[in-house]
């Protein structure tokens, strides 16, 4: 017969290995999602058309076009990251505000009034 703490220690080991597997799975998912996003962006013809159409007009004379083009692309990417960071922050604040019960009740009331108004207009319209 196994000692009484045997099952407890086995359960703790299983939980630890399960947590490790979940952490590894999340890291792999992040890498896969990042690679998929990068591939989608690089294979998107609109991105190439944007850079071919927009960047040459901002290249000053006398500089290596490849180096300056890469520098402008980095600036564009940093601006995009800042924009999406701001957008995510505002969306999180909006989600927090919109999930309050008072706001939800108000939105339900306004939606109800609008739908009833549409129904009254439809019922009173003549064909």
Protein backbone atom coordinates (compact mmCIF):
# COMPACT_ATOMS: atom_id res chain seq x y z
CA UNK A 1 0.00 0.00 0.00
CA UNK A 2 1.44 3.48 -0.94
CA UNK A 3 2.08 6.01 1.81
CA UNK A 4 -0.77 8.50 2.43
CA UNK A 5 1.17 11.50 1.08
CA UNK A 6 2.05 9.69 -2.14
CA UNK A 7 -1.13 10.71 -3.98
CA UNK A 8 -0.88 14.29 -2.69
CA UNK A 9 2.69 14.67 -3.97
CA UNK A 10 1.74 13.06 -7.27
CA UNK A 11 -1.16 15.52 -7.62
CA UNK A 12 1.15 18.46 -6.87
CA UNK A 13 3.60 17.24 -9.51
CA UNK A 14 0.80 16.80 -12.02
CA UNK A 15 -0.45 20.33 -11.31
CA UNK A 16 3.04 21.79 -11.68
CA UNK A 17 3.65 19.96 -14.95
CA UNK A 18 0.19 21.02 -16.14
CA UNK A 19 1.02 24.68 -15.38
CA UNK A 20 4.33 24.34 -17.22
CA UNK A 21 2.59 22.81 -20.22
CA UNK A 22 0.03 25.64 -20.23
CA UNK A 23 2.79 28.26 -20.06
CA UNK A 24 4.68 26.57 -22.89
CA UNK A 25 1.44 26.32 -24.88
CA UNK A 26 0.76 30.04 -24.41
CA UNK A 27 4.30 30.92 -25.48
CA UNK A 28 3.99 28.73 -28.57
CA UNK A 29 0.57 30.25 -29.38
CA UNK A 30 2.03 33.75 -29.07
CA UNK A 31 4.85 32.85 -31.43
CA UNK A 32 2.49 31.20 -33.90
CA UNK A 33 0.09 34.16 -33.80
CA UNK A 34 2.95 36.64 -34.16
CA UNK A 35 4.40 34.70 -37.09
CA UNK A 36 0.97 34.46 -38.70
CA UNK A 37 0.42 38.22 -38.29
CA UNK A 38 3.86 39.02 -39.69
CA UNK A 39 3.29 36.72 -42.64
CA UNK A 40 -0.13 38.21 -43.31
CA UNK A 41 1.29 41.72 -43.21
CA UNK A 42 4.27 40.91 -45.44
CA UNK A 43 2.13 39.06 -47.98
CA UNK A 44 -0.54 41.77 -48.04
CA UNK A 45 -0.18 43.58 -51.37
CA UNK A 46 -1.68 46.79 -49.93
CA UNK A 47 1.32 47.16 -47.61
CA UNK A 48 3.75 46.87 -50.51
CA UNK A 49 1.74 49.30 -52.62
CA UNK A 50 1.67 51.77 -49.72
CA UNK A 51 5.44 51.70 -49.28
CA UNK A 52 6.15 51.86 -53.01
CA UNK A 53 3.73 54.77 -53.47
CA UNK A 54 4.43 56.80 -50.32
CA UNK A 55 8.02 56.33 -49.23
CA UNK A 56 9.91 57.51 -52.35
CA UNK A 57 8.51 61.03 -52.07
CA UNK A 58 10.00 61.37 -48.58
CA UNK A 59 13.51 60.21 -49.48
CA UNK A 60 15.93 63.14 -49.50
CA UNK A 61 18.54 63.45 -52.23
CA UNK A 62 21.98 62.05 -51.54
CA UNK A 63 21.04 59.34 -49.03
CA UNK A 64 21.04 55.58 -49.65
CA UNK A 65 17.43 54.77 -50.58
CA UNK A 66 17.43 51.35 -48.88
CA UNK A 67 18.72 52.69 -45.56
CA UNK A 68 16.39 55.68 -45.53
CA UNK A 69 13.45 53.56 -46.71
CA UNK A 70 14.05 51.12 -43.84
CA UNK A 71 14.31 54.02 -41.38
CA UNK A 72 10.99 55.44 -42.61
CA UNK A 73 9.40 51.97 -42.39
CA UNK A 74 10.59 51.69 -38.77
CA UNK A 75 9.10 55.10 -38.01
CA UNK A 76 5.84 54.00 -39.61
CA UNK A 77 5.80 50.80 -37.55
CA UNK A 78 6.47 52.69 -34.30
CA UNK A 79 3.63 55.08 -35.10
CA UNK A 80 1.38 52.08 -35.76
CA UNK A 81 2.33 50.49 -32.44
CA UNK A 82 1.64 53.73 -30.59
CA UNK A 83 -1.71 54.10 -32.35
CA UNK A 84 -2.82 50.56 -31.54
CA UNK A 85 -1.61 50.90 -27.94
CA UNK A 86 -3.78 54.01 -27.56
CA UNK A 87 -6.70 52.28 -29.29
CA UNK A 88 -6.45 49.23 -27.01
CA UNK A 89 -6.22 51.44 -23.92
CA UNK A 90 -9.30 53.44 -24.92
CA UNK A 91 -11.21 50.25 -25.77
CA UNK A 92 -10.37 48.80 -22.35
CA UNK A 93 -11.57 51.98 -20.63
CA UNK A 94 -14.74 51.94 -22.72
CA UNK A 95 -15.32 48.27 -21.89
CA UNK A 96 -14.96 49.02 -18.19
CA UNK A 97 -17.37 51.96 -18.43
CA UNK A 98 -19.88 50.14 -20.65
CA UNK A 99 -19.99 47.10 -18.37
CA UNK A 100 -21.33 49.16 -15.43
CA UNK A 101 -24.91 48.29 -14.55
CA UNK A 102 -26.16 51.89 -14.74
CA UNK A 103 -24.74 52.37 -18.24
CA UNK A 104 -26.10 49.02 -19.36
CA UNK A 105 -29.59 49.90 -18.09
CA UNK A 106 -29.46 53.27 -19.83
CA UNK A 107 -28.39 51.67 -23.12
CA UNK A 108 -31.17 49.09 -22.79
CA UNK A 109 -33.71 51.87 -22.17
CA UNK A 110 -32.54 53.93 -25.15
CA UNK A 111 -32.51 50.86 -27.39
CA UNK A 112 -36.02 49.95 -26.24
CA UNK A 113 -37.34 53.45 -26.94
CA UNK A 114 -35.76 53.44 -30.41
CA UNK A 115 -37.21 50.02 -31.25
CA UNK A 116 -40.66 51.00 -30.00
CA UNK A 117 -40.41 54.20 -32.03
CA UNK A 118 -39.58 52.21 -35.17
CA UNK A 119 -42.51 49.91 -34.44
CA UNK A 120 -44.93 52.83 -33.99
CA UNK A 121 -43.69 54.43 -37.22
CA UNK A 122 -44.08 51.16 -39.08
CA UNK A 123 -47.56 50.56 -37.67
CA UNK A 124 -48.73 54.08 -38.50
CA UNK A 125 -47.31 54.16 -42.04
CA UNK A 126 -49.69 53.74 -44.96
CA UNK A 127 -48.88 51.67 -47.98
